Amino acid sequence: MKPFKKSLLAAAALAVTVAAVPFAGTAAAADHEVKMLNRGAAGMMVFEPAYLEVAPGDTVTFVPTDPSHNAESLPGMTPAGAEPFKGKMNQPVTVTFEQEGVYGYKCLPHLALGMVGVVVVGDPGANLDEAAEAKLPGKAKTVMADLLAQAEAQLAEAK
């Protein structure tokens, strides 16, 4: 092959490689779904799954399978540097989780009934202690304690 054709092929191969690099991280990202239900395996007014482990860069779509639900961040339960989220009533909301840590969330109308959940992104140790100190009403406090115990178990298992 002539030297000019070889360098042209090498330049083309380099261009394809450089163009693919921005997509390398997104190709591995996964999409997850959490359903908002009036009745689920764990009882009434629940998220399924209520506890979800994901990798940084993954997305989670909160789907109002039954009416009168939303999903939004709980104050004090978002890792430093992460943006809180708030979905509209009866509308799905998709969140990309970038920062490692524990993200607590709720259904605003059903918070006191215990409709809360946790997404753990990578290492839960980033903000697990702070998340455990968040104040929650009624049954939400008990449900969240159980969910955070799962995150603690994950952290202990990793050590």
C-alpha atoms as a PDB file:
ATOM      1  CA  MET A   1       0.000   0.000   0.000  1.00  0.00           C
ATOM      2  CA  LYS A   2       1.275   3.491  -0.749  1.00  0.00           C
ATOM      3  CA  PRO A   3       2.389   5.630   2.224  1.00  0.00           C
ATOM      4  CA  PHE A   4      -0.296   8.265   1.443  1.00  0.00           C
ATOM      5  CA  LYS A   5      -3.120   5.675   1.616  1.00  0.00           C
ATOM      6  CA  LYS A   6      -1.711   4.268   4.881  1.00  0.00           C
ATOM      7  CA  SER A   7      -1.691   7.695   6.550  1.00  0.00           C
ATOM      8  CA  LEU A   8      -5.178   8.436   5.208  1.00  0.00           C
ATOM      9  CA  LEU A   9      -6.479   5.163   6.689  1.00  0.00           C
ATOM     10  CA  ALA A  10      -4.699   5.855   9.988  1.00  0.00           C
ATOM     11  CA  ALA A  11      -6.237   9.352  10.133  1.00  0.00           C
ATOM     12  CA  ALA A  12      -9.710   7.925   9.436  1.00  0.00           C
ATOM     13  CA  ALA A  13      -9.297   5.295  12.163  1.00  0.00           C
ATOM     14  CA  LEU A  14      -8.171   7.967  14.628  1.00  0.00           C
ATOM     15  CA  ALA A  15     -11.173  10.163  13.751  1.00  0.00           C
ATOM     16  CA  VAL A  16     -13.596   7.282  14.383  1.00  0.00           C
ATOM     17  CA  THR A  17     -11.932   6.509  17.722  1.00  0.00           C
ATOM     18  CA  VAL A  18     -12.006  10.146  18.867  1.00  0.00           C
ATOM     19  CA  ALA A  19     -15.676  10.479  17.832  1.00  0.00           C
ATOM     20  CA  ALA A  20     -16.612   7.388  19.867  1.00  0.00           C
ATOM     21  CA  VAL A  21     -14.887   8.499  23.096  1.00  0.00           C
ATOM     22  CA  PRO A  22     -17.714  10.826  24.298  1.00  0.00           C
ATOM     23  CA  PHE A  23     -20.126   7.895  24.083  1.00  0.00           C
ATOM     24  CA  ALA A  24     -17.919   5.388  25.896  1.00  0.00           C
ATOM     25  CA  GLY A  25     -19.247   6.309  29.353  1.00  0.00           C
ATOM     26  CA  THR A  26     -22.878   6.483  28.287  1.00  0.00           C
ATOM     27  CA  ALA A  27     -22.808   3.103  26.583  1.00  0.00           C
ATOM     28  CA  ALA A  28     -22.355   1.394  29.939  1.00  0.00           C
ATOM     29  CA  ALA A  29     -25.076   3.422  31.709  1.00  0.00           C
ATOM     30  CA  ALA A  30     -28.204   1.473  32.591  1.00  0.00           C
ATOM     31  CA  ASP A  31     -31.846   2.515  32.752  1.00  0.00           C
ATOM     32  CA  HIS A  32     -33.973   1.467  35.725  1.00  0.00           C
ATOM     33  CA  GLU A  33     -37.667   1.818  36.499  1.00  0.00           C
ATOM     34  CA  VAL A  34     -39.413   2.404  39.830  1.00  0.00           C
ATOM     35  CA  LYS A  35     -43.183   2.066  39.913  1.00  0.00           C
ATOM     36  CA  MET A  36     -45.435   4.243  42.074  1.00  0.00           C
ATOM     37  CA  LEU A  37     -48.237   1.998  43.300  1.00  0.00           C
ATOM     38  CA  ASN A  38     -51.378   2.197  45.437  1.00  0.00           C
ATOM     39  CA  ARG A  39     -50.814  -1.443  46.369  1.00  0.00           C
ATOM     40  CA  GLY A  40     -47.650  -3.486  45.958  1.00  0.00           C
ATOM     41  CA  ALA A  41     -45.869  -6.489  47.438  1.00  0.00           C
ATOM     42  CA  ALA A  42     -44.883  -4.472  50.539  1.00  0.00           C
ATOM     43  CA  GLY A  43     -48.365  -3.036  51.164  1.00  0.00           C
ATOM     44  CA  MET A  44     -50.226   0.132  50.280  1.00  0.00           C
ATOM     45  CA  MET A  45     -48.750   3.339  48.847  1.00  0.00           C
ATOM     46  CA  VAL A  46     -45.320   2.034  47.847  1.00  0.00           C
ATOM     47  CA  PHE A  47     -42.504   2.421  45.376  1.00  0.00           C
ATOM     48  CA  GLU A  48     -41.394  -0.828  43.708  1.00  0.00           C
ATOM     49  CA  PRO A  49     -38.573  -1.380  44.167  1.00  0.00           C
ATOM     50  CA  ALA A  50     -38.251   0.908  47.186  1.00  0.00           C
ATOM     51  CA  TYR A  51     -34.507   0.128  47.425  1.00  0.00           C
ATOM     52  CA  LEU A  52     -32.419   0.298  44.281  1.00  0.00           C
ATOM     53  CA  GLU A  53     -28.658   0.113  43.748  1.00  0.00           C
ATOM     54  CA  VAL A  54     -27.316   1.798  40.599  1.00  0.00           C
ATOM     55  CA  ALA A  55     -23.984   2.882  39.169  1.00  0.00           C
ATOM     56  CA  PRO A  56     -22.972   6.510  38.655  1.00  0.00           C
ATOM     57  CA  GLY A  57     -24.407   7.713  35.340  1.00  0.00           C
ATOM     58  CA  ASP A  58     -27.424   5.378  35.456  1.00  0.00           C
ATOM     59  CA  THR A  59     -30.928   6.739  35.030  1.00  0.00           C
ATOM     60  CA  VAL A  60     -34.054   5.899  36.982  1.00  0.00           C
ATOM     61  CA  THR A  61     -37.547   6.610  35.690  1.00  0.00           C
ATOM     62  CA  PHE A  62     -40.214   6.913  38.356  1.00  0.00           C
ATOM     63  CA  VAL A  63     -43.482   5.778  36.752  1.00  0.00           C
ATOM     64  CA  PRO A  64     -46.904   6.654  38.228  1.00  0.00           C
ATOM     65  CA  THR A  65     -48.421   3.241  37.526  1.00  0.00           C
ATOM     66  CA  ASP A  66     -51.392   4.225  39.691  1.00  0.00           C
ATOM     67  CA  PRO A  67     -52.794   7.808  39.855  1.00  0.00           C
ATOM     68  CA  SER A  68     -52.109  10.511  42.460  1.00  0.00           C
ATOM     69  CA  HIS A  69     -48.359   9.966  42.915  1.00  0.00           C
ATOM     70  CA  ASN A  70     -45.134  11.832  42.305  1.00  0.00           C
ATOM     71  CA  ALA A  71     -41.462  11.280  43.163  1.00  0.00           C
ATOM     72  CA  GLU A  72     -39.212  13.937  44.653  1.00  0.00           C
ATOM     73  CA  SER A  73     -36.048  14.210  46.723  1.00  0.00           C
ATOM     74  CA  LEU A  74     -36.231  14.228  50.492  1.00  0.00           C
ATOM     75  CA  PRO A  75     -34.480  17.184  52.153  1.00  0.00           C
ATOM     76  CA  GLY A  76     -31.213  16.127  53.777  1.00  0.00           C
ATOM     77  CA  MET A  77     -31.033  12.895  51.765  1.00  0.00           C
ATOM     78  CA  THR A  78     -29.061  13.947  48.695  1.00  0.00           C
ATOM     79  CA  PRO A  79     -25.263  13.660  48.412  1.00  0.00           C
ATOM     80  CA  ALA A  80     -23.187  16.857  48.334  1.00  0.00           C
ATOM     81  CA  GLY A  81     -23.047  18.292  44.833  1.00  0.00           C
ATOM     82  CA  ALA A  82     -26.117  16.397  43.618  1.00  0.00           C
ATOM     83  CA  GLU A  83     -29.201  18.205  42.396  1.00  0.00           C
ATOM     84  CA  PRO A  84     -32.530  17.459  44.103  1.00  0.00           C
ATOM     85  CA  PHE A  85     -35.381  16.405  41.821  1.00  0.00           C
ATOM     86  CA  LYS A  86     -39.146  16.915  41.877  1.00  0.00           C
ATOM     87  CA  GLY A  87     -41.571  15.152  39.564  1.00  0.00           C
ATOM     88  CA  LYS A  88     -45.039  16.434  38.781  1.00  0.00           C
ATOM     89  CA  MET A  89     -48.148  14.667  40.006  1.00  0.00           C
ATOM     90  CA  ASN A  90     -49.205  11.760  37.741  1.00  0.00           C
ATOM     91  CA  GLN A  91     -46.184  12.303  35.478  1.00  0.00           C
ATOM     92  CA  PRO A  92     -43.108  10.098  35.068  1.00  0.00           C
ATOM     93  CA  VAL A  93     -39.805  11.691  35.973  1.00  0.00           C
ATOM     94  CA  THR A  94     -36.401  10.461  34.803  1.00  0.00           C
ATOM     95  CA  VAL A  95     -33.337  11.232  36.896  1.00  0.00           C
ATOM     96  CA  THR A  96     -29.694  10.609  36.025  1.00  0.00           C
ATOM     97  CA  PHE A  97     -27.707   9.866  39.171  1.00  0.00           C
ATOM     98  CA  GLU A  98     -24.079  11.033  38.906  1.00  0.00           C
ATOM     99  CA  GLN A  99     -22.853  11.538  42.492  1.00  0.00           C
ATOM    100  CA  GLU A 100     -22.178   8.522  44.707  1.00  0.00           C
ATOM    101  CA  GLY A 101     -24.251   8.202  47.856  1.00  0.00           C
ATOM    102  CA  VAL A 102     -27.757   7.705  49.190  1.00  0.00           C
ATOM    103  CA  TYR A 103     -30.716   9.511  47.616  1.00  0.00           C
ATOM    104  CA  GLY A 104     -33.916   9.424  49.646  1.00  0.00           C
ATOM    105  CA  TYR A 105     -37.163  10.259  47.864  1.00  0.00           C
ATOM    106  CA  LYS A 106     -40.870  10.468  48.596  1.00  0.00           C
ATOM    107  CA  CYS A 107     -44.326  10.688  47.149  1.00  0.00           C
ATOM    108  CA  LEU A 108     -45.458  14.033  48.565  1.00  0.00           C
ATOM    109  CA  PRO A 109     -49.169  13.198  49.116  1.00  0.00           C
ATOM    110  CA  HIS A 110     -48.370   9.822  50.709  1.00  0.00           C
ATOM    111  CA  LEU A 111     -45.250  10.597  52.747  1.00  0.00           C
ATOM    112  CA  ALA A 112     -46.905  10.069  56.144  1.00  0.00           C
ATOM    113  CA  LEU A 113     -48.198   6.704  54.882  1.00  0.00           C
ATOM    114  CA  GLY A 114     -44.613   5.574  54.339  1.00  0.00           C
ATOM    115  CA  MET A 115     -44.297   6.071  50.583  1.00  0.00           C
ATOM    116  CA  VAL A 116     -40.536   6.614  50.497  1.00  0.00           C
ATOM    117  CA  GLY A 117     -37.623   4.988  48.734  1.00  0.00           C
ATOM    118  CA  VAL A 118     -33.848   4.976  48.368  1.00  0.00           C
ATOM    119  CA  VAL A 119     -31.536   4.936  45.393  1.00  0.00           C
ATOM    120  CA  VAL A 120     -27.961   4.031  46.308  1.00  0.00           C
ATOM    121  CA  VAL A 121     -25.426   5.187  43.752  1.00  0.00           C
ATOM    122  CA  GLY A 122     -22.089   3.410  44.055  1.00  0.00           C
ATOM    123  CA  ASP A 123     -20.718   3.875  47.579  1.00  0.00           C
ATOM    124  CA  PRO A 124     -23.489   4.663  50.089  1.00  0.00           C
ATOM    125  CA  GLY A 125     -20.913   5.858  52.631  1.00  0.00           C
ATOM    126  CA  ALA A 126     -20.717   9.274  50.971  1.00  0.00           C
ATOM    127  CA  ASN A 127     -23.747  10.571  52.925  1.00  0.00           C
ATOM    128  CA  LEU A 128     -25.311   7.615  54.761  1.00  0.00           C
ATOM    129  CA  ASP A 129     -24.878   9.182  58.219  1.00  0.00           C
ATOM    130  CA  GLU A 130     -26.450  12.474  57.102  1.00  0.00           C
ATOM    131  CA  ALA A 131     -29.341  10.643  55.400  1.00  0.00           C
ATOM    132  CA  ALA A 132     -30.050   8.697  58.592  1.00  0.00           C
ATOM    133  CA  GLU A 133     -30.542  11.980  60.471  1.00  0.00           C
ATOM    134  CA  ALA A 134     -33.266  13.313  58.162  1.00  0.00           C
ATOM    135  CA  LYS A 135     -36.574  13.921  59.964  1.00  0.00           C
ATOM    136  CA  LEU A 136     -39.550  12.015  58.562  1.00  0.00           C
ATOM    137  CA  PRO A 137     -43.181  11.782  59.708  1.00  0.00           C
ATOM    138  CA  GLY A 138     -45.292   8.760  60.601  1.00  0.00           C
ATOM    139  CA  LYS A 139     -44.677   5.469  58.876  1.00  0.00           C
ATOM    140  CA  ALA A 140     -42.105   7.075  56.548  1.00  0.00           C
ATOM    141  CA  LYS A 141     -39.626   7.111  59.430  1.00  0.00           C
ATOM    142  CA  THR A 142     -39.940   3.332  59.952  1.00  0.00           C
ATOM    143  CA  VAL A 143     -39.838   2.465  56.251  1.00  0.00           C
ATOM    144  CA  MET A 144     -36.790   4.693  55.685  1.00  0.00           C
ATOM    145  CA  ALA A 145     -34.965   3.140  58.652  1.00  0.00           C
ATOM    146  CA  ASP A 146     -35.398  -0.296  57.039  1.00  0.00           C
ATOM    147  CA  LEU A 147     -34.179   0.993  53.662  1.00  0.00           C
ATOM    148  CA  LEU A 148     -31.130   2.682  55.184  1.00  0.00           C
ATOM    149  CA  ALA A 149     -30.325  -0.536  57.056  1.00  0.00           C
ATOM    150  CA  GLN A 150     -30.007  -2.199  53.636  1.00  0.00           C
ATOM    151  CA  ALA A 151     -27.576   0.540  52.566  1.00  0.00           C
ATOM    152  CA  GLU A 152     -25.575   0.017  55.778  1.00  0.00           C
ATOM    153  CA  ALA A 153     -25.429  -3.721  55.067  1.00  0.00           C
ATOM    154  CA  GLN A 154     -24.179  -2.983  51.541  1.00  0.00           C
ATOM    155  CA  LEU A 155     -21.492  -0.699  52.951  1.00  0.00           C
ATOM    156  CA  ALA A 156     -20.394  -3.297  55.533  1.00  0.00           C
ATOM    157  CA  GLU A 157     -20.287  -5.998  52.861  1.00  0.00           C
ATOM    158  CA  ALA A 158     -18.021  -3.852  50.687  1.00  0.00           C
ATOM    159  CA  LYS A 159     -15.435  -3.519  53.473  1.00  0.00           C
END
